[in-house]
Amino acid sequence: MQYVFRCILDVEEDVIRDITISEKATLENFHEAIREAFGMRKGEMASFYKTNEDWDQGDEIPLFDMSEAGTTSEMRDHKISSLFSRKDDKIIFVYDFMALWTFFVYVHEIKQEDKNDAPKVVLSIGKMPNKPKEKKFKSDKSSIEDESYKSEWEDEENKDDDYDEEEDDREDNYGYESDFDDDER
């Protein structure tokens, strides 16, 4: 079977690619197909995240197992057919953890063809932006409302306010400045 995945980049303007891939391909193959379809550079870390109907982020499937115990399954351990069985099955793909390019990916169509061709882009809408959408991470509100945490944080913030610019103007003598006297040149 051939799967047609719709990959939607999480940015303001529509940037969409439909990619066909064999059911026998691995998530690692799919990762490469997405990277190439969107023109992203090689060599960055990436992960797929299982998700539900509401796109809530679930279990991670990384490109490489970076856990200390070495027990996390990797993309190469998962075939497309083992994760997707019907139209509209979903997964989240994140590429380059510094930029956090985020893609919402779902099965758009399943074709009964038994091709084992290389993945290919069958629909391309929009242009890849130069910068990803800025991500804002929210922490657990209950920990922020904890007064002991709040007062520590506020104390640290106030320490920065006590900064004295005059301290920056002083010259520190570390005992080696004489090594660079102009007279010795």
N, C-alpha and C. Protein backbone atom coordinates (compact mmCIF):
# COMPACT_ATOMS: atom_id res chain seq x y z
N MET A 1 0.83 -1.19 0.00
CA MET A 1 0.00 0.00 0.00
C MET A 1 0.87 1.25 0.00
N GLN A 2 0.31 2.31 -0.50
CA GLN A 2 0.94 3.63 -0.50
C GLN A 2 0.13 4.55 0.39
N TYR A 3 0.82 5.28 1.22
CA TYR A 3 0.18 6.27 2.07
C TYR A 3 0.45 7.65 1.51
N VAL A 4 -0.57 8.49 1.52
CA VAL A 4 -0.40 9.89 1.16
C VAL A 4 -0.58 10.68 2.45
N PHE A 5 0.50 11.31 2.88
CA PHE A 5 0.46 12.11 4.11
C PHE A 5 0.38 13.58 3.76
N ARG A 6 -0.47 14.30 4.45
CA ARG A 6 -0.51 15.75 4.35
C ARG A 6 0.32 16.30 5.51
N CYS A 7 1.33 17.09 5.18
CA CYS A 7 2.24 17.68 6.17
C CYS A 7 2.03 19.18 6.16
N ILE A 8 1.58 19.72 7.27
CA ILE A 8 1.26 21.13 7.40
C ILE A 8 2.24 21.77 8.37
N LEU A 9 3.00 22.73 7.88
CA LEU A 9 3.95 23.44 8.71
C LEU A 9 3.21 24.44 9.60
N ASP A 10 3.57 24.48 10.87
CA ASP A 10 2.92 25.38 11.83
C ASP A 10 3.50 26.79 11.71
N VAL A 11 2.99 27.54 10.72
CA VAL A 11 3.36 28.94 10.49
C VAL A 11 2.11 29.70 10.08
N GLU A 12 2.22 31.02 9.95
CA GLU A 12 1.05 31.86 9.63
C GLU A 12 0.49 31.57 8.24
N GLU A 13 1.35 31.58 7.22
CA GLU A 13 0.91 31.33 5.84
C GLU A 13 0.82 29.82 5.60
N ASP A 14 -0.04 29.39 4.69
CA ASP A 14 -0.16 27.96 4.39
C ASP A 14 1.11 27.44 3.73
N VAL A 15 1.71 26.44 4.35
CA VAL A 15 2.85 25.72 3.77
C VAL A 15 2.53 24.25 3.97
N ILE A 16 2.19 23.60 2.86
CA ILE A 16 1.67 22.23 2.89
C ILE A 16 2.38 21.39 1.84
N ARG A 17 2.67 20.14 2.20
CA ARG A 17 3.19 19.17 1.24
C ARG A 17 2.44 17.87 1.44
N ASP A 18 2.01 17.26 0.33
CA ASP A 18 1.49 15.90 0.37
C ASP A 18 2.61 15.00 -0.12
N ILE A 19 2.91 13.98 0.66
CA ILE A 19 4.01 13.07 0.36
C ILE A 19 3.47 11.65 0.31
N THR A 20 3.78 10.93 -0.78
CA THR A 20 3.43 9.51 -0.85
C THR A 20 4.64 8.71 -0.38
N ILE A 21 4.34 7.63 0.34
CA ILE A 21 5.40 6.78 0.85
C ILE A 21 4.84 5.37 1.05
N SER A 22 5.68 4.39 0.86
CA SER A 22 5.27 2.98 0.99
C SER A 22 5.00 2.63 2.44
N GLU A 23 4.08 1.71 2.63
CA GLU A 23 3.78 1.21 3.98
C GLU A 23 4.99 0.52 4.59
N LYS A 24 5.93 0.07 3.77
CA LYS A 24 7.11 -0.64 4.25
C LYS A 24 8.23 0.30 4.69
N ALA A 25 8.11 1.58 4.37
CA ALA A 25 9.13 2.56 4.74
C ALA A 25 9.12 2.75 6.26
N THR A 26 10.23 3.22 6.79
CA THR A 26 10.32 3.50 8.23
C THR A 26 10.03 4.98 8.48
N LEU A 27 9.85 5.31 9.75
CA LEU A 27 9.69 6.73 10.10
C LEU A 27 10.96 7.50 9.76
N GLU A 28 12.11 6.84 9.81
CA GLU A 28 13.36 7.51 9.42
C GLU A 28 13.31 7.90 7.94
N ASN A 29 12.80 7.02 7.09
CA ASN A 29 12.62 7.34 5.67
C ASN A 29 11.64 8.51 5.50
N PHE A 30 10.57 8.47 6.30
CA PHE A 30 9.56 9.52 6.23
C PHE A 30 10.14 10.85 6.70
N HIS A 31 10.93 10.82 7.75
CA HIS A 31 11.62 12.02 8.25
C HIS A 31 12.44 12.66 7.13
N GLU A 32 13.20 11.85 6.41
CA GLU A 32 14.02 12.37 5.30
C GLU A 32 13.14 12.94 4.19
N ALA A 33 12.03 12.27 3.91
CA ALA A 33 11.11 12.75 2.87
C ALA A 33 10.53 14.12 3.25
N ILE A 34 10.16 14.29 4.50
CA ILE A 34 9.61 15.58 4.94
C ILE A 34 10.69 16.65 4.86
N ARG A 35 11.88 16.32 5.36
CA ARG A 35 12.99 17.29 5.34
C ARG A 35 13.27 17.76 3.92
N GLU A 36 13.34 16.81 2.98
CA GLU A 36 13.60 17.17 1.58
C GLU A 36 12.45 17.95 0.97
N ALA A 37 11.22 17.55 1.26
CA ALA A 37 10.04 18.20 0.68
C ALA A 37 9.95 19.67 1.08
N PHE A 38 10.42 19.99 2.27
CA PHE A 38 10.36 21.37 2.75
C PHE A 38 11.69 22.10 2.58
N GLY A 39 12.70 21.43 2.04
CA GLY A 39 13.97 22.08 1.75
C GLY A 39 14.78 22.44 2.98
N MET A 40 14.68 21.64 4.03
CA MET A 40 15.44 21.93 5.25
C MET A 40 16.80 21.25 5.18
N ARG A 41 17.80 21.88 5.81
CA ARG A 41 19.15 21.34 5.75
C ARG A 41 19.25 20.02 6.53
N LYS A 42 20.20 19.20 6.13
CA LYS A 42 20.44 17.91 6.79
C LYS A 42 21.14 18.11 8.13
N GLY A 43 21.11 17.06 8.93
CA GLY A 43 21.95 17.02 10.11
C GLY A 43 21.34 17.52 11.41
N GLU A 44 20.08 17.84 11.42
CA GLU A 44 19.45 18.32 12.65
C GLU A 44 18.68 17.18 13.32
N MET A 45 18.55 17.26 14.62
CA MET A 45 17.78 16.27 15.36
C MET A 45 16.29 16.48 15.06
N ALA A 46 15.55 15.39 15.19
CA ALA A 46 14.12 15.44 14.91
C ALA A 46 13.42 14.36 15.70
N SER A 47 12.12 14.53 15.89
CA SER A 47 11.30 13.53 16.55
C SER A 47 9.89 13.56 15.99
N PHE A 48 9.28 12.39 16.00
CA PHE A 48 7.84 12.29 15.78
C PHE A 48 7.22 12.15 17.16
N TYR A 49 5.99 12.66 17.30
CA TYR A 49 5.26 12.52 18.55
C TYR A 49 3.89 11.95 18.23
N LYS A 50 3.57 10.86 18.90
CA LYS A 50 2.23 10.32 18.75
C LYS A 50 1.25 11.37 19.26
N THR A 51 0.05 11.36 18.71
CA THR A 51 -0.93 12.37 19.08
C THR A 51 -2.33 11.79 19.02
N ASN A 52 -3.28 12.56 19.50
CA ASN A 52 -4.67 12.15 19.45
C ASN A 52 -5.44 13.06 18.49
N GLU A 53 -6.75 12.96 18.53
CA GLU A 53 -7.59 13.76 17.63
C GLU A 53 -7.44 15.26 17.86
N ASP A 54 -7.05 15.66 19.08
CA ASP A 54 -6.91 17.08 19.41
C ASP A 54 -5.47 17.58 19.24
N TRP A 55 -4.62 16.78 18.67
CA TRP A 55 -3.21 17.11 18.44
C TRP A 55 -2.43 17.29 19.74
N ASP A 56 -2.86 16.62 20.81
CA ASP A 56 -2.09 16.66 22.05
C ASP A 56 -0.83 15.82 21.86
N GLN A 57 0.29 16.36 22.29
CA GLN A 57 1.58 15.69 22.11
C GLN A 57 1.68 14.49 23.03
N GLY A 58 2.03 13.33 22.46
CA GLY A 58 2.16 12.10 23.23
C GLY A 58 3.59 11.59 23.23
N ASP A 59 3.74 10.29 23.19
CA ASP A 59 5.05 9.64 23.25
C ASP A 59 5.95 10.06 22.09
N GLU A 60 7.23 10.24 22.41
CA GLU A 60 8.22 10.66 21.42
C GLU A 60 8.85 9.46 20.74
N ILE A 61 9.07 9.60 19.44
CA ILE A 61 9.87 8.64 18.68
C ILE A 61 11.00 9.46 18.05
N PRO A 62 12.18 9.45 18.66
CA PRO A 62 13.29 10.29 18.18
C PRO A 62 14.02 9.68 17.00
N LEU A 63 14.76 10.52 16.31
CA LEU A 63 15.61 10.05 15.23
C LEU A 63 16.65 9.08 15.78
N PHE A 64 17.28 9.47 16.91
CA PHE A 64 18.26 8.63 17.58
C PHE A 64 17.92 8.54 19.06
N ASP A 65 18.20 7.39 19.65
CA ASP A 65 17.98 7.20 21.08
C ASP A 65 19.07 7.94 21.85
N MET A 66 18.68 8.97 22.57
CA MET A 66 19.63 9.76 23.35
C MET A 66 19.48 9.49 24.85
N SER A 67 18.66 8.52 25.22
CA SER A 67 18.46 8.23 26.63
C SER A 67 19.69 7.55 27.20
N GLU A 68 19.92 7.75 28.49
CA GLU A 68 21.07 7.16 29.15
C GLU A 68 21.01 5.63 29.12
N ALA A 69 19.83 5.09 29.29
CA ALA A 69 19.68 3.63 29.33
C ALA A 69 19.69 3.01 27.94
N GLY A 70 19.50 3.83 26.91
CA GLY A 70 19.49 3.32 25.55
C GLY A 70 18.31 2.41 25.27
N THR A 71 17.16 2.75 25.82
CA THR A 71 15.99 1.89 25.68
C THR A 71 14.87 2.50 24.85
N THR A 72 15.03 3.70 24.38
CA THR A 72 13.99 4.36 23.60
C THR A 72 14.04 3.85 22.16
N SER A 73 12.87 3.57 21.60
CA SER A 73 12.85 3.15 20.20
C SER A 73 13.13 4.35 19.31
N GLU A 74 13.71 4.09 18.17
CA GLU A 74 14.09 5.14 17.22
C GLU A 74 13.19 5.08 16.00
N MET A 75 13.28 6.11 15.17
CA MET A 75 12.47 6.16 13.95
C MET A 75 12.67 4.93 13.08
N ARG A 76 13.89 4.45 13.00
CA ARG A 76 14.17 3.31 12.11
C ARG A 76 13.49 2.02 12.61
N ASP A 77 13.03 2.01 13.85
CA ASP A 77 12.37 0.83 14.42
C ASP A 77 10.89 0.75 14.08
N HIS A 78 10.34 1.77 13.44
CA HIS A 78 8.89 1.83 13.19
C HIS A 78 8.59 1.92 11.70
N LYS A 79 7.84 0.96 11.21
CA LYS A 79 7.36 1.00 9.83
C LYS A 79 6.09 1.86 9.79
N ILE A 80 5.87 2.48 8.65
CA ILE A 80 4.67 3.31 8.46
C ILE A 80 3.42 2.51 8.80
N SER A 81 3.34 1.27 8.30
CA SER A 81 2.14 0.46 8.51
C SER A 81 1.91 0.10 9.98
N SER A 82 2.95 0.15 10.81
CA SER A 82 2.77 -0.19 12.22
C SER A 82 2.16 0.96 13.03
N LEU A 83 2.23 2.16 12.51
CA LEU A 83 1.71 3.32 13.24
C LEU A 83 0.42 3.88 12.65
N PHE A 84 0.20 3.64 11.38
CA PHE A 84 -0.95 4.23 10.69
C PHE A 84 -1.78 3.12 10.05
N SER A 85 -3.07 3.12 10.35
CA SER A 85 -3.92 2.06 9.80
C SER A 85 -5.13 2.60 9.04
N ARG A 86 -5.42 3.89 9.24
CA ARG A 86 -6.62 4.43 8.59
C ARG A 86 -6.43 5.91 8.23
N LYS A 87 -7.29 6.35 7.37
CA LYS A 87 -7.30 7.76 6.97
C LYS A 87 -7.49 8.63 8.21
N ASP A 88 -6.81 9.77 8.24
CA ASP A 88 -6.87 10.76 9.30
C ASP A 88 -6.06 10.41 10.55
N ASP A 89 -5.34 9.27 10.57
CA ASP A 89 -4.41 9.02 11.67
C ASP A 89 -3.39 10.15 11.68
N LYS A 90 -2.99 10.58 12.89
CA LYS A 90 -2.18 11.79 13.02
C LYS A 90 -0.86 11.51 13.73
N ILE A 91 0.10 12.41 13.48
CA ILE A 91 1.38 12.42 14.19
C ILE A 91 1.95 13.83 14.08
N ILE A 92 2.75 14.22 15.06
CA ILE A 92 3.42 15.53 15.03
C ILE A 92 4.89 15.28 14.73
N PHE A 93 5.47 16.11 13.88
CA PHE A 93 6.88 16.00 13.54
C PHE A 93 7.56 17.32 13.90
N VAL A 94 8.67 17.22 14.65
CA VAL A 94 9.45 18.41 15.02
C VAL A 94 10.86 18.22 14.49
N TYR A 95 11.33 19.22 13.74
CA TYR A 95 12.66 19.16 13.14
C TYR A 95 13.50 20.34 13.63
N ASP A 96 14.74 20.06 13.99
CA ASP A 96 15.70 21.07 14.46
C ASP A 96 15.22 21.66 15.78
N PHE A 97 15.70 21.08 16.87
CA PHE A 97 15.23 21.46 18.20
C PHE A 97 15.61 22.88 18.60
N MET A 98 16.52 23.51 17.89
CA MET A 98 16.81 24.92 18.17
C MET A 98 15.77 25.82 17.48
N ALA A 99 15.33 25.44 16.31
CA ALA A 99 14.33 26.23 15.58
C ALA A 99 12.90 25.76 15.87
N LEU A 100 12.74 24.49 16.21
CA LEU A 100 11.43 23.90 16.49
C LEU A 100 10.45 24.01 15.32
N TRP A 101 10.91 23.63 14.12
CA TRP A 101 9.98 23.54 13.00
C TRP A 101 8.98 22.45 13.37
N THR A 102 7.71 22.78 13.40
CA THR A 102 6.68 21.84 13.84
C THR A 102 5.69 21.58 12.71
N PHE A 103 5.40 20.31 12.48
CA PHE A 103 4.52 19.89 11.41
C PHE A 103 3.39 19.05 11.96
N PHE A 104 2.19 19.33 11.49
CA PHE A 104 1.04 18.50 11.79
C PHE A 104 0.86 17.59 10.58
N VAL A 105 0.95 16.29 10.83
CA VAL A 105 0.98 15.30 9.75
C VAL A 105 -0.17 14.32 9.94
N TYR A 106 -0.91 14.06 8.86
CA TYR A 106 -1.98 13.07 8.97
C TYR A 106 -2.11 12.31 7.66
N VAL A 107 -2.70 11.12 7.77
CA VAL A 107 -2.93 10.28 6.60
C VAL A 107 -4.08 10.91 5.81
N HIS A 108 -3.75 11.36 4.62
CA HIS A 108 -4.75 12.00 3.76
C HIS A 108 -5.47 10.96 2.91
N GLU A 109 -4.72 9.92 2.55
CA GLU A 109 -5.28 8.89 1.67
C GLU A 109 -4.43 7.63 1.78
N ILE A 110 -5.07 6.48 1.62
CA ILE A 110 -4.35 5.21 1.54
C ILE A 110 -4.72 4.57 0.21
N LYS A 111 -3.69 4.32 -0.58
CA LYS A 111 -3.90 3.71 -1.90
C LYS A 111 -3.52 2.24 -1.81
N GLN A 112 -4.29 1.40 -2.47
CA GLN A 112 -4.05 -0.03 -2.42
C GLN A 112 -2.88 -0.48 -3.31
N GLU A 113 -2.26 0.46 -4.00
CA GLU A 113 -1.12 0.12 -4.85
C GLU A 113 0.00 -0.46 -4.00
N ASP A 114 0.67 -1.46 -4.53
CA ASP A 114 1.75 -2.10 -3.78
C ASP A 114 3.10 -1.68 -4.35
N LYS A 115 3.31 -0.39 -4.45
CA LYS A 115 4.58 0.13 -4.96
C LYS A 115 5.56 0.28 -3.80
N ASN A 116 6.81 0.12 -4.09
CA ASN A 116 7.84 0.37 -3.09
C ASN A 116 8.76 1.47 -3.61
N ASP A 117 8.15 2.44 -4.29
CA ASP A 117 8.91 3.56 -4.84
C ASP A 117 9.43 4.46 -3.74
N ALA A 118 10.39 5.26 -4.13
CA ALA A 118 10.90 6.27 -3.19
C ALA A 118 9.78 7.26 -2.89
N PRO A 119 9.80 7.84 -1.70
CA PRO A 119 8.79 8.84 -1.37
C PRO A 119 8.82 10.00 -2.36
N LYS A 120 7.66 10.57 -2.62
CA LYS A 120 7.66 11.74 -3.50
C LYS A 120 6.57 12.73 -3.11
N VAL A 121 6.82 13.97 -3.45
CA VAL A 121 5.87 15.05 -3.17
C VAL A 121 4.86 15.07 -4.31
N VAL A 122 3.57 14.99 -3.96
CA VAL A 122 2.52 15.01 -4.98
C VAL A 122 1.70 16.30 -4.92
N LEU A 123 1.92 17.12 -3.89
CA LEU A 123 1.26 18.41 -3.78
C LEU A 123 2.16 19.33 -2.98
N SER A 124 2.33 20.55 -3.48
CA SER A 124 3.16 21.53 -2.79
C SER A 124 2.46 22.88 -2.80
N ILE A 125 2.16 23.38 -1.61
CA ILE A 125 1.50 24.68 -1.47
C ILE A 125 2.35 25.54 -0.53
N GLY A 126 2.64 26.74 -0.94
CA GLY A 126 3.36 27.68 -0.08
C GLY A 126 4.86 27.50 -0.10
N LYS A 127 5.51 28.53 0.40
CA LYS A 127 6.97 28.57 0.43
C LYS A 127 7.45 28.48 1.88
N MET A 128 8.50 27.72 2.07
CA MET A 128 9.10 27.58 3.40
C MET A 128 9.63 28.93 3.86
N PRO A 129 9.20 29.42 5.04
CA PRO A 129 9.71 30.71 5.53
C PRO A 129 11.16 30.60 5.99
N ASN A 130 11.81 31.73 6.13
CA ASN A 130 13.20 31.75 6.59
C ASN A 130 13.32 31.41 8.07
N LYS A 131 12.31 31.80 8.85
CA LYS A 131 12.34 31.57 10.30
C LYS A 131 11.08 30.83 10.71
N PRO A 132 11.21 29.98 11.73
CA PRO A 132 10.01 29.29 12.22
C PRO A 132 9.14 30.22 13.03
N LYS A 133 7.93 29.80 13.25
CA LYS A 133 7.00 30.52 14.11
C LYS A 133 7.59 30.52 15.52
N GLU A 134 7.53 31.66 16.20
CA GLU A 134 8.05 31.73 17.56
C GLU A 134 7.17 30.89 18.48
N LYS A 135 7.81 30.02 19.23
CA LYS A 135 7.08 29.15 20.15
C LYS A 135 7.13 29.73 21.55
N LYS A 136 6.02 29.66 22.24
CA LYS A 136 5.96 30.09 23.64
C LYS A 136 5.60 28.88 24.47
N PHE A 137 6.45 28.57 25.42
CA PHE A 137 6.20 27.44 26.28
C PHE A 137 5.60 27.93 27.58
N LYS A 138 4.58 27.25 28.02
CA LYS A 138 3.92 27.62 29.26
C LYS A 138 4.27 26.58 30.30
N SER A 139 4.53 27.06 31.50
CA SER A 139 4.82 26.13 32.57
C SER A 139 3.56 25.86 33.37
N ASP A 140 3.66 24.91 34.25
CA ASP A 140 2.55 24.53 35.11
C ASP A 140 2.22 25.71 36.03
N LYS A 141 1.02 26.23 35.94
CA LYS A 141 0.62 27.41 36.71
C LYS A 141 0.76 27.22 38.21
N SER A 142 0.49 26.03 38.70
CA SER A 142 0.52 25.81 40.14
C SER A 142 1.92 26.04 40.71
N SER A 143 2.96 25.70 39.96
CA SER A 143 4.31 25.91 40.48
C SER A 143 4.68 27.38 40.47
N ILE A 144 4.14 28.15 39.55
CA ILE A 144 4.42 29.58 39.50
C ILE A 144 3.71 30.30 40.64
N GLU A 145 2.53 29.82 40.99
CA GLU A 145 1.77 30.45 42.05
C GLU A 145 2.32 30.12 43.43
N ASP A 146 3.21 29.16 43.52
CA ASP A 146 3.84 28.79 44.78
C ASP A 146 4.65 29.98 45.28
N GLU A 147 4.30 30.51 46.45
CA GLU A 147 4.91 31.73 46.98
C GLU A 147 6.41 31.59 47.20
N SER A 148 6.88 30.43 47.67
CA SER A 148 8.32 30.29 47.92
C SER A 148 9.09 30.38 46.61
N TYR A 149 8.54 29.80 45.54
CA TYR A 149 9.19 29.89 44.24
C TYR A 149 9.17 31.33 43.75
N LYS A 150 8.03 31.97 43.89
CA LYS A 150 7.86 33.34 43.42
C LYS A 150 8.83 34.29 44.12
N SER A 151 8.95 34.17 45.44
CA SER A 151 9.81 35.10 46.15
C SER A 151 11.28 34.88 45.79
N GLU A 152 11.69 33.62 45.59
CA GLU A 152 13.08 33.37 45.15
C GLU A 152 13.34 34.02 43.80
N TRP A 153 12.39 33.84 42.90
CA TRP A 153 12.53 34.38 41.56
C TRP A 153 12.59 35.91 41.61
N GLU A 154 11.70 36.50 42.42
CA GLU A 154 11.69 37.95 42.52
C GLU A 154 12.98 38.46 43.16
N ASP A 155 13.53 37.73 44.15
CA ASP A 155 14.80 38.12 44.77
C ASP A 155 15.91 38.13 43.73
N GLU A 156 15.95 37.11 42.88
CA GLU A 156 16.98 37.04 41.84
C GLU A 156 16.82 38.19 40.86
N GLU A 157 15.57 38.52 40.52
CA GLU A 157 15.31 39.61 39.59
C GLU A 157 15.76 40.94 40.19
N ASN A 158 15.52 41.13 41.49
CA ASN A 158 15.91 42.36 42.15
C ASN A 158 17.42 42.49 42.28
N LYS A 159 18.14 41.39 42.38
CA LYS A 159 19.60 41.45 42.43
C LYS A 159 20.15 42.10 41.17
N ASP A 160 19.54 41.79 40.05
CA ASP A 160 19.98 42.38 38.79
C ASP A 160 19.76 43.88 38.78
N ASP A 161 18.70 44.34 39.47
CA ASP A 161 18.41 45.76 39.53
C ASP A 161 19.44 46.52 40.35
N ASP A 162 20.13 45.84 41.27
CA ASP A 162 21.13 46.48 42.12
C ASP A 162 22.48 46.61 41.44
N TYR A 163 22.58 46.28 40.21
CA TYR A 163 23.83 46.32 39.45
C TYR A 163 24.37 47.74 39.44
N ASP A 164 25.64 47.89 39.72
CA ASP A 164 26.28 49.20 39.81
C ASP A 164 27.20 49.38 38.60
N GLU A 165 26.84 50.33 37.73
CA GLU A 165 27.65 50.57 36.53
C GLU A 165 29.05 51.04 36.86
N GLU A 166 29.23 51.71 37.99
CA GLU A 166 30.56 52.18 38.36
C GLU A 166 31.52 51.02 38.55
N GLU A 167 31.00 49.86 38.97
CA GLU A 167 31.86 48.69 39.15
C GLU A 167 32.47 48.27 37.82
N ASP A 168 31.75 48.48 36.74
CA ASP A 168 32.27 48.11 35.43
C ASP A 168 33.40 49.02 34.98
N ASP A 169 33.42 50.27 35.48
CA ASP A 169 34.42 51.23 35.05
C ASP A 169 35.78 51.02 35.72
N ARG A 170 35.82 50.27 36.81
CA ARG A 170 37.10 50.10 37.50
C ARG A 170 37.97 49.14 36.72
N GLU A 171 39.26 49.29 36.88
CA GLU A 171 40.20 48.38 36.22
C GLU A 171 40.67 47.37 37.24
N ASP A 172 40.48 46.11 36.92
CA ASP A 172 40.95 45.06 37.81
C ASP A 172 42.40 44.74 37.46
N ASN A 173 43.21 44.54 38.47
CA ASN A 173 44.61 44.18 38.26
C ASN A 173 44.75 42.72 38.63
N TYR A 174 44.98 41.91 37.61
CA TYR A 174 45.11 40.48 37.84
C TYR A 174 46.57 40.05 37.88
N GLY A 175 47.51 40.99 37.80
CA GLY A 175 48.92 40.66 37.96
C GLY A 175 49.65 40.30 36.69
N TYR A 176 48.98 40.34 35.56
CA TYR A 176 49.69 39.99 34.33
C TYR A 176 49.63 41.10 33.30
N GLU A 177 49.01 42.21 33.61
CA GLU A 177 48.89 43.31 32.66
C GLU A 177 50.24 43.88 32.28
N SER A 178 51.22 43.81 33.20
CA SER A 178 52.55 44.38 32.89
C SER A 178 53.23 43.60 31.77
N ASP A 179 52.77 42.38 31.51
CA ASP A 179 53.35 41.59 30.43
C ASP A 179 53.07 42.21 29.06
N PHE A 180 52.10 43.13 29.02
CA PHE A 180 51.70 43.70 27.74
C PHE A 180 52.04 45.17 27.64
N ASP A 181 53.03 45.65 28.39
CA ASP A 181 53.43 47.05 28.33
C ASP A 181 53.95 47.39 26.94
N ASP A 182 53.69 48.61 26.50
CA ASP A 182 54.15 49.07 25.20
C ASP A 182 55.67 49.16 25.16
N ASP A 183 56.33 49.37 26.31
CA ASP A 183 57.79 49.55 26.36
C ASP A 183 58.53 48.27 25.95
N GLU A 184 57.91 47.14 26.12
CA GLU A 184 58.59 45.89 25.85
C GLU A 184 58.55 45.50 24.39
N ARG A 185 57.82 46.18 23.54
CA ARG A 185 57.69 45.82 22.13
C ARG A 185 58.84 46.25 21.35
